[in-house]
Amino acid sequence: MPNSLNTRVLIHMMKHGKITSKEAFKLYGNTRLSSSIFELRSQGYPIETTMVEGYNRYNQPTKYAVYSLPKNWKSRFNRANGNSR
């Protein structure tokens, strides 16, 4: 799984704190970020969704999702999986 889109998305969130569909497409060619997020959540990662208002290419108001990992996600994830780290 090291080269999978899901892994790239997870690593991006670890390094940068968040990711959007636009970033996922531009950086990784991921056209289905919500699918990657669904799969990562099913593996136990506590990914949060924040809806943000912005403008599309026609300068019309729109909303889009920003996915992120909470600041204390590592300790929460390790506790949930029985690890002490």
PDB file of N, CA and C in Angstrom:
ATOM      1  N   MET A   1       0.799  -1.208   0.000  1.00  0.00           N
ATOM      2  CA  MET A   1       0.000   0.000   0.000  1.00  0.00           C
ATOM      3  C   MET A   1       0.847   1.281   0.000  1.00  0.00           C
ATOM      4  N   PRO A   2       2.183   1.251   0.076  1.00  0.00           N
ATOM      5  CA  PRO A   2       2.953   2.484   0.189  1.00  0.00           C
ATOM      6  C   PRO A   2       2.760   3.467  -0.953  1.00  0.00           C
ATOM      7  N   ASN A   3       2.449   3.029  -2.142  1.00  0.00           N
ATOM      8  CA  ASN A   3       2.294   3.935  -3.267  1.00  0.00           C
ATOM      9  C   ASN A   3       0.836   4.168  -3.644  1.00  0.00           C
ATOM     10  N   SER A   4      -0.079   3.733  -2.801  1.00  0.00           N
ATOM     11  CA  SER A   4      -1.488   3.904  -3.139  1.00  0.00           C
ATOM     12  C   SER A   4      -1.919   5.351  -2.936  1.00  0.00           C
ATOM     13  N   LEU A   5      -2.996   5.733  -3.598  1.00  0.00           N
ATOM     14  CA  LEU A   5      -3.537   7.082  -3.435  1.00  0.00           C
ATOM     15  C   LEU A   5      -3.920   7.338  -1.981  1.00  0.00           C
ATOM     16  N   ASN A   6      -4.471   6.329  -1.335  1.00  0.00           N
ATOM     17  CA  ASN A   6      -4.879   6.497   0.062  1.00  0.00           C
ATOM     18  C   ASN A   6      -3.675   6.842   0.944  1.00  0.00           C
ATOM     19  N   THR A   7      -2.569   6.167   0.712  1.00  0.00           N
ATOM     20  CA  THR A   7      -1.363   6.433   1.493  1.00  0.00           C
ATOM     21  C   THR A   7      -0.842   7.828   1.212  1.00  0.00           C
ATOM     22  N   ARG A   8      -0.866   8.233  -0.035  1.00  0.00           N
ATOM     23  CA  ARG A   8      -0.414   9.583  -0.383  1.00  0.00           C
ATOM     24  C   ARG A   8      -1.282  10.642   0.289  1.00  0.00           C
ATOM     25  N   VAL A   9      -2.582  10.405   0.307  1.00  0.00           N
ATOM     26  CA  VAL A   9      -3.505  11.345   0.960  1.00  0.00           C
ATOM     27  C   VAL A   9      -3.206  11.404   2.456  1.00  0.00           C
ATOM     28  N   LEU A  10      -3.022  10.254   3.086  1.00  0.00           N
ATOM     29  CA  LEU A  10      -2.735  10.200   4.517  1.00  0.00           C
ATOM     30  C   LEU A  10      -1.425  10.919   4.835  1.00  0.00           C
ATOM     31  N   ILE A  11      -0.385  10.649   4.074  1.00  0.00           N
ATOM     32  CA  ILE A  11       0.905  11.294   4.297  1.00  0.00           C
ATOM     33  C   ILE A  11       0.787  12.803   4.106  1.00  0.00           C
ATOM     34  N   HIS A  12       0.028  13.228   3.104  1.00  0.00           N
ATOM     35  CA  HIS A  12      -0.174  14.658   2.877  1.00  0.00           C
ATOM     36  C   HIS A  12      -0.827  15.308   4.095  1.00  0.00           C
ATOM     37  N   MET A  13      -1.853  14.668   4.637  1.00  0.00           N
ATOM     38  CA  MET A  13      -2.518  15.225   5.819  1.00  0.00           C
ATOM     39  C   MET A  13      -1.582  15.237   7.023  1.00  0.00           C
ATOM     40  N   MET A  14      -0.731  14.237   7.148  1.00  0.00           N
ATOM     41  CA  MET A  14       0.233  14.208   8.253  1.00  0.00           C
ATOM     42  C   MET A  14       1.227  15.361   8.134  1.00  0.00           C
ATOM     43  N   LYS A  15       1.679  15.638   6.924  1.00  0.00           N
ATOM     44  CA  LYS A  15       2.675  16.690   6.700  1.00  0.00           C
ATOM     45  C   LYS A  15       2.075  18.090   6.703  1.00  0.00           C
ATOM     46  N   HIS A  16       0.914  18.250   6.079  1.00  0.00           N
ATOM     47  CA  HIS A  16       0.341  19.577   5.849  1.00  0.00           C
ATOM     48  C   HIS A  16      -0.905  19.866   6.683  1.00  0.00           C
ATOM     49  N   GLY A  17      -1.415  18.866   7.363  1.00  0.00           N
ATOM     50  CA  GLY A  17      -2.552  19.064   8.248  1.00  0.00           C
ATOM     51  C   GLY A  17      -3.914  18.913   7.600  1.00  0.00           C
ATOM     52  N   LYS A  18      -3.996  19.120   6.285  1.00  0.00           N
ATOM     53  CA  LYS A  18      -5.311  19.057   5.623  1.00  0.00           C
ATOM     54  C   LYS A  18      -5.116  18.795   4.138  1.00  0.00           C
ATOM     55  N   ILE A  19      -6.250  18.494   3.471  1.00  0.00           N
ATOM     56  CA  ILE A  19      -6.229  18.297   2.023  1.00  0.00           C
ATOM     57  C   ILE A  19      -7.622  18.594   1.461  1.00  0.00           C
ATOM     58  N   THR A  20      -7.653  19.105   0.241  1.00  0.00           N
ATOM     59  CA  THR A  20      -8.911  19.351  -0.477  1.00  0.00           C
ATOM     60  C   THR A  20      -8.909  18.516  -1.751  1.00  0.00           C
ATOM     61  N   SER A  21     -10.070  18.416  -2.384  1.00  0.00           N
ATOM     62  CA  SER A  21     -10.157  17.670  -3.645  1.00  0.00           C
ATOM     63  C   SER A  21      -9.258  18.283  -4.715  1.00  0.00           C
ATOM     64  N   LYS A  22      -9.194  19.595  -4.744  1.00  0.00           N
ATOM     65  CA  LYS A  22      -8.360  20.277  -5.738  1.00  0.00           C
ATOM     66  C   LYS A  22      -6.889  19.914  -5.542  1.00  0.00           C
ATOM     67  N   GLU A  23      -6.424  19.918  -4.288  1.00  0.00           N
ATOM     68  CA  GLU A  23      -5.035  19.541  -4.006  1.00  0.00           C
ATOM     69  C   GLU A  23      -4.781  18.080  -4.361  1.00  0.00           C
ATOM     70  N   ALA A  24      -5.715  17.213  -3.989  1.00  0.00           N
ATOM     71  CA  ALA A  24      -5.549  15.779  -4.263  1.00  0.00           C
ATOM     72  C   ALA A  24      -5.442  15.517  -5.764  1.00  0.00           C
ATOM     73  N   PHE A  25      -6.237  16.231  -6.544  1.00  0.00           N
ATOM     74  CA  PHE A  25      -6.193  16.053  -7.995  1.00  0.00           C
ATOM     75  C   PHE A  25      -4.899  16.609  -8.572  1.00  0.00           C
ATOM     76  N   LYS A  26      -4.546  17.836  -8.204  1.00  0.00           N
ATOM     77  CA  LYS A  26      -3.345  18.476  -8.749  1.00  0.00           C
ATOM     78  C   LYS A  26      -2.068  17.730  -8.368  1.00  0.00           C
ATOM     79  N   LEU A  27      -1.965  17.318  -7.115  1.00  0.00           N
ATOM     80  CA  LEU A  27      -0.726  16.728  -6.618  1.00  0.00           C
ATOM     81  C   LEU A  27      -0.598  15.233  -6.888  1.00  0.00           C
ATOM     82  N   TYR A  28      -1.719  14.515  -6.818  1.00  0.00           N
ATOM     83  CA  TYR A  28      -1.654  13.059  -6.862  1.00  0.00           C
ATOM     84  C   TYR A  28      -2.521  12.423  -7.948  1.00  0.00           C
ATOM     85  N   GLY A  29      -3.255  13.231  -8.696  1.00  0.00           N
ATOM     86  CA  GLY A  29      -4.138  12.683  -9.720  1.00  0.00           C
ATOM     87  C   GLY A  29      -5.328  11.948  -9.152  1.00  0.00           C
ATOM     88  N   ASN A  30      -5.643  12.214  -7.893  1.00  0.00           N
ATOM     89  CA  ASN A  30      -6.755  11.538  -7.213  1.00  0.00           C
ATOM     90  C   ASN A  30      -8.051  12.281  -7.535  1.00  0.00           C
ATOM     91  N   THR A  31      -8.889  11.654  -8.325  1.00  0.00           N
ATOM     92  CA  THR A  31     -10.157  12.269  -8.712  1.00  0.00           C
ATOM     93  C   THR A  31     -11.298  11.872  -7.779  1.00  0.00           C
ATOM     94  N   ARG A  32     -11.018  10.989  -6.807  1.00  0.00           N
ATOM     95  CA  ARG A  32     -12.061  10.526  -5.887  1.00  0.00           C
ATOM     96  C   ARG A  32     -11.565  10.607  -4.451  1.00  0.00           C
ATOM     97  N   LEU A  33     -11.264  11.810  -4.015  1.00  0.00           N
ATOM     98  CA  LEU A  33     -10.747  11.997  -2.659  1.00  0.00           C
ATOM     99  C   LEU A  33     -11.717  11.469  -1.611  1.00  0.00           C
ATOM    100  N   SER A  34     -13.013  11.690  -1.796  1.00  0.00           N
ATOM    101  CA  SER A  34     -13.975  11.228  -0.791  1.00  0.00           C
ATOM    102  C   SER A  34     -13.922   9.712  -0.617  1.00  0.00           C
ATOM    103  N   SER A  35     -13.610   8.993  -1.678  1.00  0.00           N
ATOM    104  CA  SER A  35     -13.456   7.536  -1.587  1.00  0.00           C
ATOM    105  C   SER A  35     -12.218   7.175  -0.758  1.00  0.00           C
ATOM    106  N   SER A  36     -11.131   7.887  -0.993  1.00  0.00           N
ATOM    107  CA  SER A  36      -9.913   7.656  -0.195  1.00  0.00           C
ATOM    108  C   SER A  36     -10.172   7.946   1.273  1.00  0.00           C
ATOM    109  N   ILE A  37     -10.880   9.030   1.550  1.00  0.00           N
ATOM    110  CA  ILE A  37     -11.197   9.403   2.928  1.00  0.00           C
ATOM    111  C   ILE A  37     -12.080   8.329   3.568  1.00  0.00           C
ATOM    112  N   PHE A  38     -13.062   7.834   2.836  1.00  0.00           N
ATOM    113  CA  PHE A  38     -13.940   6.774   3.338  1.00  0.00           C
ATOM    114  C   PHE A  38     -13.117   5.542   3.725  1.00  0.00           C
ATOM    115  N   GLU A  39     -12.205   5.146   2.847  1.00  0.00           N
ATOM    116  CA  GLU A  39     -11.386   3.957   3.121  1.00  0.00           C
ATOM    117  C   GLU A  39     -10.450   4.176   4.303  1.00  0.00           C
ATOM    118  N   LEU A  40      -9.842   5.366   4.392  1.00  0.00           N
ATOM    119  CA  LEU A  40      -8.961   5.655   5.528  1.00  0.00           C
ATOM    120  C   LEU A  40      -9.747   5.662   6.834  1.00  0.00           C
ATOM    121  N   ARG A  41     -10.946   6.205   6.812  1.00  0.00           N
ATOM    122  CA  ARG A  41     -11.794   6.187   8.013  1.00  0.00           C
ATOM    123  C   ARG A  41     -12.135   4.748   8.404  1.00  0.00           C
ATOM    124  N   SER A  42     -12.394   3.901   7.412  1.00  0.00           N
ATOM    125  CA  SER A  42     -12.738   2.500   7.719  1.00  0.00           C
ATOM    126  C   SER A  42     -11.538   1.755   8.310  1.00  0.00           C
ATOM    127  N   GLN A  43     -10.332   2.289   8.117  1.00  0.00           N
ATOM    128  CA  GLN A  43      -9.120   1.717   8.713  1.00  0.00           C
ATOM    129  C   GLN A  43      -8.856   2.302  10.097  1.00  0.00           C
ATOM    130  N   GLY A  44      -9.724   3.230  10.530  1.00  0.00           N
ATOM    131  CA  GLY A  44      -9.625   3.764  11.881  1.00  0.00           C
ATOM    132  C   GLY A  44      -9.050   5.161  12.007  1.00  0.00           C
ATOM    133  N   TYR A  45      -8.649   5.783  10.908  1.00  0.00           N
ATOM    134  CA  TYR A  45      -8.102   7.134  10.992  1.00  0.00           C
ATOM    135  C   TYR A  45      -9.222   8.130  11.266  1.00  0.00           C
ATOM    136  N   PRO A  46      -9.055   8.984  12.280  1.00  0.00           N
ATOM    137  CA  PRO A  46     -10.124   9.909  12.689  1.00  0.00           C
ATOM    138  C   PRO A  46     -10.140  11.194  11.855  1.00  0.00           C
ATOM    139  N   ILE A  47     -10.439  11.069  10.604  1.00  0.00           N
ATOM    140  CA  ILE A  47     -10.412  12.206   9.683  1.00  0.00           C
ATOM    141  C   ILE A  47     -11.661  13.055   9.874  1.00  0.00           C
ATOM    142  N   GLU A  48     -11.432  14.366   9.996  1.00  0.00           N
ATOM    143  CA  GLU A  48     -12.526  15.313  10.188  1.00  0.00           C
ATOM    144  C   GLU A  48     -12.819  16.033   8.880  1.00  0.00           C
ATOM    145  N   THR A  49     -14.073  16.422   8.693  1.00  0.00           N
ATOM    146  CA  THR A  49     -14.501  17.169   7.510  1.00  0.00           C
ATOM    147  C   THR A  49     -14.993  18.540   7.928  1.00  0.00           C
ATOM    148  N   THR A  50     -14.487  19.564   7.259  1.00  0.00           N
ATOM    149  CA  THR A  50     -14.951  20.930   7.471  1.00  0.00           C
ATOM    150  C   THR A  50     -15.421  21.463   6.125  1.00  0.00           C
ATOM    151  N   MET A  51     -16.644  21.954   6.094  1.00  0.00           N
ATOM    152  CA  MET A  51     -17.158  22.560   4.859  1.00  0.00           C
ATOM    153  C   MET A  51     -16.764  24.038   4.837  1.00  0.00           C
ATOM    154  N   VAL A  52     -16.188  24.455   3.717  1.00  0.00           N
ATOM    155  CA  VAL A  52     -15.675  25.818   3.562  1.00  0.00           C
ATOM    156  C   VAL A  52     -16.380  26.481   2.387  1.00  0.00           C
ATOM    157  N   GLU A  53     -16.672  27.758   2.538  1.00  0.00           N
ATOM    158  CA  GLU A  53     -17.278  28.503   1.435  1.00  0.00           C
ATOM    159  C   GLU A  53     -16.186  29.160   0.610  1.00  0.00           C
ATOM    160  N   GLY A  54     -16.349  29.104  -0.700  1.00  0.00           N
ATOM    161  CA  GLY A  54     -15.396  29.713  -1.612  1.00  0.00           C
ATOM    162  C   GLY A  54     -16.097  30.059  -2.910  1.00  0.00           C
ATOM    163  N   TYR A  55     -15.311  30.229  -3.969  1.00  0.00           N
ATOM    164  CA  TYR A  55     -15.865  30.569  -5.275  1.00  0.00           C
ATOM    165  C   TYR A  55     -15.327  29.604  -6.320  1.00  0.00           C
ATOM    166  N   ASN A  56     -16.183  29.233  -7.271  1.00  0.00           N
ATOM    167  CA  ASN A  56     -15.754  28.350  -8.349  1.00  0.00           C
ATOM    168  C   ASN A  56     -15.116  29.168  -9.472  1.00  0.00           C
ATOM    169  N   ARG A  57     -14.776  28.493 -10.564  1.00  0.00           N
ATOM    170  CA  ARG A  57     -14.086  29.179 -11.670  1.00  0.00           C
ATOM    171  C   ARG A  57     -14.937  30.248 -12.341  1.00  0.00           C
ATOM    172  N   TYR A  58     -16.234  30.237 -12.103  1.00  0.00           N
ATOM    173  CA  TYR A  58     -17.132  31.241 -12.672  1.00  0.00           C
ATOM    174  C   TYR A  58     -17.448  32.344 -11.658  1.00  0.00           C
ATOM    175  N   ASN A  59     -16.674  32.342 -10.559  1.00  0.00           N
ATOM    176  CA  ASN A  59     -16.826  33.320  -9.486  1.00  0.00           C
ATOM    177  C   ASN A  59     -18.197  33.244  -8.809  1.00  0.00           C
ATOM    178  N   GLN A  60     -18.755  32.034  -8.802  1.00  0.00           N
ATOM    179  CA  GLN A  60     -20.028  31.802  -8.116  1.00  0.00           C
ATOM    180  C   GLN A  60     -19.735  31.172  -6.752  1.00  0.00           C
ATOM    181  N   PRO A  61     -20.494  31.528  -5.725  1.00  0.00           N
ATOM    182  CA  PRO A  61     -20.263  30.942  -4.409  1.00  0.00           C
ATOM    183  C   PRO A  61     -20.494  29.428  -4.427  1.00  0.00           C
ATOM    184  N   THR A  62     -19.644  28.720  -3.697  1.00  0.00           N
ATOM    185  CA  THR A  62     -19.751  27.264  -3.598  1.00  0.00           C
ATOM    186  C   THR A  62     -19.209  26.817  -2.248  1.00  0.00           C
ATOM    187  N   LYS A  63     -19.421  25.570  -1.912  1.00  0.00           N
ATOM    188  CA  LYS A  63     -18.867  24.972  -0.703  1.00  0.00           C
ATOM    189  C   LYS A  63     -18.050  23.755  -1.092  1.00  0.00           C
ATOM    190  N   TYR A  64     -16.987  23.517  -0.339  1.00  0.00           N
ATOM    191  CA  TYR A  64     -16.172  22.319  -0.590  1.00  0.00           C
ATOM    192  C   TYR A  64     -15.627  21.800   0.739  1.00  0.00           C
ATOM    193  N   ALA A  65     -15.249  20.535   0.727  1.00  0.00           N
ATOM    194  CA  ALA A  65     -14.781  19.883   1.944  1.00  0.00           C
ATOM    195  C   ALA A  65     -13.269  20.036   2.096  1.00  0.00           C
ATOM    196  N   VAL A  66     -12.859  20.270   3.339  1.00  0.00           N
ATOM    197  CA  VAL A  66     -11.453  20.233   3.706  1.00  0.00           C
ATOM    198  C   VAL A  66     -11.327  19.100   4.719  1.00  0.00           C
ATOM    199  N   TYR A  67     -10.495  18.116   4.407  1.00  0.00           N
ATOM    200  CA  TYR A  67     -10.305  16.959   5.281  1.00  0.00           C
ATOM    201  C   TYR A  67      -9.034  17.147   6.089  1.00  0.00           C
ATOM    202  N   SER A  68      -9.095  16.779   7.372  1.00  0.00           N
ATOM    203  CA  SER A  68      -7.932  16.949   8.236  1.00  0.00           C
ATOM    204  C   SER A  68      -7.900  15.882   9.319  1.00  0.00           C
ATOM    205  N   LEU A  69      -6.718  15.737   9.910  1.00  0.00           N
ATOM    206  CA  LEU A  69      -6.541  14.878  11.075  1.00  0.00           C
ATOM    207  C   LEU A  69      -6.485  15.783  12.303  1.00  0.00           C
ATOM    208  N   PRO A  70      -7.159  15.420  13.388  1.00  0.00           N
ATOM    209  CA  PRO A  70      -7.082  16.243  14.590  1.00  0.00           C
ATOM    210  C   PRO A  70      -5.654  16.276  15.133  1.00  0.00           C
ATOM    211  N   LYS A  71      -5.325  17.321  15.872  1.00  0.00           N
ATOM    212  CA  LYS A  71      -3.955  17.482  16.377  1.00  0.00           C
ATOM    213  C   LYS A  71      -3.506  16.304  17.230  1.00  0.00           C
ATOM    214  N   ASN A  72      -4.375  15.743  18.006  1.00  0.00           N
ATOM    215  CA  ASN A  72      -4.000  14.635  18.891  1.00  0.00           C
ATOM    216  C   ASN A  72      -4.372  13.274  18.298  1.00  0.00           C
ATOM    217  N   TRP A  73      -4.460  13.190  16.981  1.00  0.00           N
ATOM    218  CA  TRP A  73      -4.964  11.966  16.349  1.00  0.00           C
ATOM    219  C   TRP A  73      -4.079  10.763  16.616  1.00  0.00           C
ATOM    220  N   LYS A  74      -2.757  10.943  16.713  1.00  0.00           N
ATOM    221  CA  LYS A  74      -1.869   9.789  16.916  1.00  0.00           C
ATOM    222  C   LYS A  74      -2.146   9.108  18.242  1.00  0.00           C
ATOM    223  N   SER A  75      -2.296   9.876  19.310  1.00  0.00           N
ATOM    224  CA  SER A  75      -2.553   9.261  20.608  1.00  0.00           C
ATOM    225  C   SER A  75      -3.931   8.608  20.632  1.00  0.00           C
ATOM    226  N   ARG A  76      -4.935   9.276  20.022  1.00  0.00           N
ATOM    227  CA  ARG A  76      -6.275   8.685  19.952  1.00  0.00           C
ATOM    228  C   ARG A  76      -6.259   7.399  19.135  1.00  0.00           C
ATOM    229  N   PHE A  77      -5.548   7.412  18.004  1.00  0.00           N
ATOM    230  CA  PHE A  77      -5.489   6.247  17.127  1.00  0.00           C
ATOM    231  C   PHE A  77      -4.783   5.092  17.823  1.00  0.00           C
ATOM    232  N   ASN A  78      -3.661   5.375  18.484  1.00  0.00           N
ATOM    233  CA  ASN A  78      -2.917   4.322  19.173  1.00  0.00           C
ATOM    234  C   ASN A  78      -3.717   3.718  20.319  1.00  0.00           C
ATOM    235  N   ARG A  79      -4.398   4.563  21.100  1.00  0.00           N
ATOM    236  CA  ARG A  79      -5.240   4.038  22.195  1.00  0.00           C
ATOM    237  C   ARG A  79      -6.348   3.147  21.657  1.00  0.00           C
ATOM    238  N   ALA A  80      -6.975   3.572  20.584  1.00  0.00           N
ATOM    239  CA  ALA A  80      -8.089   2.805  20.001  1.00  0.00           C
ATOM    240  C   ALA A  80      -7.617   1.466  19.467  1.00  0.00           C
ATOM    241  N   ASN A  81      -6.335   1.402  19.060  1.00  0.00           N
ATOM    242  CA  ASN A  81      -5.802   0.171  18.492  1.00  0.00           C
ATOM    243  C   ASN A  81      -4.960  -0.615  19.488  1.00  0.00           C
ATOM    244  N   GLY A  82      -4.988  -0.231  20.772  1.00  0.00           N
ATOM    245  CA  GLY A  82      -4.307  -0.992  21.804  1.00  0.00           C
ATOM    246  C   GLY A  82      -2.819  -0.754  21.879  1.00  0.00           C
ATOM    247  N   ASN A  83      -2.304   0.306  21.262  1.00  0.00           N
ATOM    248  CA  ASN A  83      -0.879   0.624  21.332  1.00  0.00           C
ATOM    249  C   ASN A  83      -0.661   1.692  22.378  1.00  0.00           C
ATOM    250  N   SER A  84       0.515   1.672  23.007  1.00  0.00           N
ATOM    251  CA  SER A  84       0.783   2.650  24.060  1.00  0.00           C
ATOM    252  C   SER A  84       1.565   3.860  23.563  1.00  0.00           C
ATOM    253  N   ARG A  85       1.942   3.911  22.321  1.00  0.00           N
ATOM    254  CA  ARG A  85       2.719   5.041  21.794  1.00  0.00           C
ATOM    255  C   ARG A  85       1.900   6.266  21.613  1.00  0.00           C
TER     256      ARG A  85
END
